[in-house]
PDB file of N, CA and C in Angstrom:
ATOM      1  N   UNK A   1      -8.356 185.430  52.390  1.00  0.00           N
ATOM      2  CA  UNK A   1      -9.569 185.627  53.187  1.00  0.00           C
ATOM      3  C   UNK A   1     -10.583 184.503  52.913  1.00  0.00           C
ATOM      4  N   UNK A   2     -11.483 184.242  53.853  1.00  0.00           N
ATOM      5  CA  UNK A   2     -12.488 183.204  53.642  1.00  0.00           C
ATOM      6  C   UNK A   2     -13.510 183.630  52.595  1.00  0.00           C
ATOM      7  N   UNK A   3     -14.123 182.620  51.945  1.00  0.00           N
ATOM      8  CA  UNK A   3     -15.181 182.923  50.971  1.00  0.00           C
ATOM      9  C   UNK A   3     -16.470 183.315  51.662  1.00  0.00           C
ATOM     10  N   UNK A   4     -16.732 182.732  52.853  1.00  0.00           N
ATOM     11  CA  UNK A   4     -17.943 183.099  53.591  1.00  0.00           C
ATOM     12  C   UNK A   4     -17.773 182.823  55.077  1.00  0.00           C
ATOM     13  N   UNK A   5     -18.497 183.600  55.868  1.00  0.00           N
ATOM     14  CA  UNK A   5     -18.588 183.403  57.311  1.00  0.00           C
ATOM     15  C   UNK A   5     -20.077 183.461  57.638  1.00  0.00           C
ATOM     16  N   UNK A   6     -20.597 182.404  58.249  1.00  0.00           N
ATOM     17  CA  UNK A   6     -22.032 182.331  58.520  1.00  0.00           C
ATOM     18  C   UNK A   6     -22.287 181.993  59.979  1.00  0.00           C
ATOM     19  N   UNK A   7     -23.298 182.640  60.568  1.00  0.00           N
ATOM     20  CA  UNK A   7     -23.761 182.246  61.892  1.00  0.00           C
ATOM     21  C   UNK A   7     -24.693 181.058  61.721  1.00  0.00           C
ATOM     22  N   UNK A   8     -24.478 180.024  62.507  1.00  0.00           N
ATOM     23  CA  UNK A   8     -25.312 178.830  62.443  1.00  0.00           C
ATOM     24  C   UNK A   8     -26.665 179.141  63.085  1.00  0.00           C
ATOM     25  N   UNK A   9     -27.751 178.737  62.425  1.00  0.00           N
ATOM     26  CA  UNK A   9     -29.133 178.905  62.913  1.00  0.00           C
ATOM     27  C   UNK A   9     -29.587 180.357  63.018  1.00  0.00           C
ATOM     28  N   UNK A  10     -29.003 181.248  62.223  1.00  0.00           N
ATOM     29  CA  UNK A  10     -29.430 182.649  62.175  1.00  0.00           C
ATOM     30  C   UNK A  10     -29.488 183.083  60.716  1.00  0.00           C
ATOM     31  N   UNK A  11     -30.448 183.932  60.406  1.00  0.00           N
ATOM     32  CA  UNK A  11     -30.583 184.445  59.049  1.00  0.00           C
ATOM     33  C   UNK A  11     -29.394 185.343  58.720  1.00  0.00           C
ATOM     34  N   UNK A  12     -29.028 185.422  57.428  1.00  0.00           N
ATOM     35  CA  UNK A  12     -27.967 186.361  57.033  1.00  0.00           C
ATOM     36  C   UNK A  12     -28.348 187.777  57.483  1.00  0.00           C
ATOM     37  N   UNK A  13     -27.377 188.530  57.934  1.00  0.00           N
ATOM     38  CA  UNK A  13     -27.586 189.904  58.415  1.00  0.00           C
ATOM     39  C   UNK A  13     -28.503 189.983  59.633  1.00  0.00           C
ATOM     40  N   UNK A  14     -28.645 188.883  60.385  1.00  0.00           N
ATOM     41  CA  UNK A  14     -29.486 188.889  61.584  1.00  0.00           C
ATOM     42  C   UNK A  14     -28.883 189.815  62.636  1.00  0.00           C
ATOM     43  N   UNK A  15     -29.738 190.520  63.333  1.00  0.00           N
ATOM     44  CA  UNK A  15     -29.309 191.346  64.461  1.00  0.00           C
ATOM     45  C   UNK A  15     -29.685 190.583  65.728  1.00  0.00           C
ATOM     46  N   UNK A  16     -28.706 190.352  66.579  1.00  0.00           N
ATOM     47  CA  UNK A  16     -28.929 189.585  67.798  1.00  0.00           C
ATOM     48  C   UNK A  16     -28.861 190.556  68.966  1.00  0.00           C
ATOM     49  N   UNK A  17     -29.964 190.685  69.685  1.00  0.00           N
ATOM     50  CA  UNK A  17     -30.053 191.628  70.790  1.00  0.00           C
ATOM     51  C   UNK A  17     -30.259 190.865  72.090  1.00  0.00           C
ATOM     52  N   UNK A  18     -29.463 191.209  73.092  1.00  0.00           N
ATOM     53  CA  UNK A  18     -29.575 190.585  74.408  1.00  0.00           C
ATOM     54  C   UNK A  18     -29.692 191.667  75.463  1.00  0.00           C
ATOM     55  N   UNK A  19     -30.354 191.328  76.562  1.00  0.00           N
ATOM     56  CA  UNK A  19     -30.415 192.232  77.704  1.00  0.00           C
ATOM     57  C   UNK A  19     -29.270 191.903  78.646  1.00  0.00           C
ATOM     58  N   UNK A  20     -28.919 192.858  79.478  1.00  0.00           N
ATOM     59  CA  UNK A  20     -27.837 192.656  80.434  1.00  0.00           C
ATOM     60  C   UNK A  20     -28.072 191.375  81.221  1.00  0.00           C
ATOM     61  N   UNK A  21     -27.017 190.597  81.370  1.00  0.00           N
ATOM     62  CA  UNK A  21     -26.989 189.317  82.080  1.00  0.00           C
ATOM     63  C   UNK A  21     -27.639 188.174  81.300  1.00  0.00           C
ATOM     64  N   UNK A  22     -28.216 188.435  80.127  1.00  0.00           N
ATOM     65  CA  UNK A  22     -28.673 187.346  79.262  1.00  0.00           C
ATOM     66  C   UNK A  22     -27.452 186.610  78.733  1.00  0.00           C
ATOM     67  N   UNK A  23     -27.618 185.348  78.466  1.00  0.00           N
ATOM     68  CA  UNK A  23     -26.535 184.562  77.889  1.00  0.00           C
ATOM     69  C   UNK A  23     -27.000 183.973  76.569  1.00  0.00           C
ATOM     70  N   UNK A  24     -26.067 183.800  75.675  1.00  0.00           N
ATOM     71  CA  UNK A  24     -26.364 183.138  74.412  1.00  0.00           C
ATOM     72  C   UNK A  24     -25.122 182.399  73.959  1.00  0.00           C
ATOM     73  N   UNK A  25     -25.315 181.537  73.011  1.00  0.00           N
ATOM     74  CA  UNK A  25     -24.193 180.818  72.418  1.00  0.00           C
ATOM     75  C   UNK A  25     -24.265 181.025  70.917  1.00  0.00           C
ATOM     76  N   UNK A  26     -23.182 181.487  70.345  1.00  0.00           N
ATOM     77  CA  UNK A  26     -23.117 181.714  68.908  1.00  0.00           C
ATOM     78  C   UNK A  26     -22.096 180.774  68.302  1.00  0.00           C
ATOM     79  N   UNK A  27     -22.440 180.250  67.151  1.00  0.00           N
ATOM     80  CA  UNK A  27     -21.535 179.359  66.424  1.00  0.00           C
ATOM     81  C   UNK A  27     -21.436 179.876  64.997  1.00  0.00           C
ATOM     82  N   UNK A  28     -20.231 179.918  64.475  1.00  0.00           N
ATOM     83  CA  UNK A  28     -20.072 180.350  63.093  1.00  0.00           C
ATOM     84  C   UNK A  28     -19.313 179.294  62.300  1.00  0.00           C
ATOM     85  N   UNK A  29     -19.527 179.343  60.997  1.00  0.00           N
ATOM     86  CA  UNK A  29     -18.833 178.455  60.070  1.00  0.00           C
ATOM     87  C   UNK A  29     -18.074 179.332  59.085  1.00  0.00           C
ATOM     88  N   UNK A  30     -16.791 179.078  58.947  1.00  0.00           N
ATOM     89  CA  UNK A  30     -15.946 179.814  58.011  1.00  0.00           C
ATOM     90  C   UNK A  30     -15.587 178.860  56.882  1.00  0.00           C
ATOM     91  N   UNK A  31     -15.879 179.256  55.659  1.00  0.00           N
ATOM     92  CA  UNK A  31     -15.671 178.361  54.519  1.00  0.00           C
ATOM     93  C   UNK A  31     -14.529 178.839  53.618  1.00  0.00           C
ATOM     94  N   UNK A  32     -13.780 177.859  53.168  1.00  0.00           N
ATOM     95  CA  UNK A  32     -12.735 178.046  52.159  1.00  0.00           C
ATOM     96  C   UNK A  32     -11.724 179.136  52.523  1.00  0.00           C
ATOM     97  N   UNK A  33     -11.202 179.053  53.710  1.00  0.00           N
ATOM     98  CA  UNK A  33     -10.158 179.989  54.135  1.00  0.00           C
ATOM     99  C   UNK A  33      -8.806 179.295  54.021  1.00  0.00           C
ATOM    100  N   UNK A  34      -7.893 179.888  53.296  1.00  0.00           N
ATOM    101  CA  UNK A  34      -6.545 179.349  53.137  1.00  0.00           C
ATOM    102  C   UNK A  34      -5.558 180.471  53.381  1.00  0.00           C
ATOM    103  N   UNK A  35      -4.773 180.450  54.436  1.00  0.00           N
ATOM    104  CA  UNK A  35      -4.712 179.434  55.492  1.00  0.00           C
ATOM    105  C   UNK A  35      -5.964 179.479  56.365  1.00  0.00           C
ATOM    106  N   UNK A  36      -6.067 178.556  57.311  1.00  0.00           N
ATOM    107  CA  UNK A  36      -7.237 178.477  58.189  1.00  0.00           C
ATOM    108  C   UNK A  36      -7.506 179.828  58.853  1.00  0.00           C
ATOM    109  N   UNK A  37      -8.777 180.157  58.956  1.00  0.00           N
ATOM    110  CA  UNK A  37      -9.171 181.449  59.524  1.00  0.00           C
ATOM    111  C   UNK A  37      -9.062 181.446  61.042  1.00  0.00           C
ATOM    112  N   UNK A  38      -8.800 182.611  61.584  1.00  0.00           N
ATOM    113  CA  UNK A  38      -8.842 182.839  63.024  1.00  0.00           C
ATOM    114  C   UNK A  38      -9.990 183.812  63.264  1.00  0.00           C
ATOM    115  N   UNK A  39     -10.983 183.408  64.042  1.00  0.00           N
ATOM    116  CA  UNK A  39     -12.179 184.223  64.256  1.00  0.00           C
ATOM    117  C   UNK A  39     -12.070 184.947  65.593  1.00  0.00           C
ATOM    118  N   UNK A  40     -12.347 186.241  65.574  1.00  0.00           N
ATOM    119  CA  UNK A  40     -12.328 187.061  66.782  1.00  0.00           C
ATOM    120  C   UNK A  40     -13.691 187.741  66.895  1.00  0.00           C
ATOM    121  N   UNK A  41     -14.320 187.627  68.055  1.00  0.00           N
ATOM    122  CA  UNK A  41     -15.623 188.236  68.293  1.00  0.00           C
ATOM    123  C   UNK A  41     -15.430 189.587  68.972  1.00  0.00           C
ATOM    124  N   UNK A  42     -16.250 190.567  68.563  1.00  0.00           N
ATOM    125  CA  UNK A  42     -16.197 191.916  69.116  1.00  0.00           C
ATOM    126  C   UNK A  42     -17.569 192.336  69.632  1.00  0.00           C
ATOM    127  N   UNK A  43     -17.557 193.213  70.618  1.00  0.00           N
ATOM    128  CA  UNK A  43     -18.766 193.894  71.082  1.00  0.00           C
ATOM    129  C   UNK A  43     -18.384 195.344  71.303  1.00  0.00           C
ATOM    130  N   UNK A  44     -19.072 196.248  70.614  1.00  0.00           N
ATOM    131  CA  UNK A  44     -18.780 197.684  70.729  1.00  0.00           C
ATOM    132  C   UNK A  44     -17.298 197.972  70.522  1.00  0.00           C
ATOM    133  N   UNK A  45     -16.734 197.405  69.486  1.00  0.00           N
ATOM    134  CA  UNK A  45     -15.332 197.611  69.103  1.00  0.00           C
ATOM    135  C   UNK A  45     -14.328 197.057  70.106  1.00  0.00           C
ATOM    136  N   UNK A  46     -14.772 196.232  71.046  1.00  0.00           N
ATOM    137  CA  UNK A  46     -13.861 195.615  72.016  1.00  0.00           C
ATOM    138  C   UNK A  46     -13.877 194.102  71.824  1.00  0.00           C
ATOM    139  N   UNK A  47     -12.698 193.502  71.902  1.00  0.00           N
ATOM    140  CA  UNK A  47     -12.577 192.053  71.731  1.00  0.00           C
ATOM    141  C   UNK A  47     -13.226 191.347  72.913  1.00  0.00           C
ATOM    142  N   UNK A  48     -14.056 190.335  72.608  1.00  0.00           N
ATOM    143  CA  UNK A  48     -14.645 189.507  73.658  1.00  0.00           C
ATOM    144  C   UNK A  48     -13.694 188.375  73.977  1.00  0.00           C
ATOM    145  N   UNK A  49     -13.484 188.131  75.241  1.00  0.00           N
ATOM    146  CA  UNK A  49     -12.615 187.026  75.658  1.00  0.00           C
ATOM    147  C   UNK A  49     -13.461 185.784  75.813  1.00  0.00           C
ATOM    148  N   UNK A  50     -12.975 184.691  75.266  1.00  0.00           N
ATOM    149  CA  UNK A  50     -13.720 183.430  75.317  1.00  0.00           C
ATOM    150  C   UNK A  50     -13.142 182.509  76.346  1.00  0.00           C
TER     151      UNK A  50
END
């Protein structure tokens, strides 16, 4: 497992709230994962398709 996963430009444990039809871009950094990490984003327990 990775040693850390961080959202870029957001405080640790930040809550990000959007209104319907709002758009945002999120970037994360995964550190020291061996083998390389695969990141999957979820919303309400459902996988988001990128």
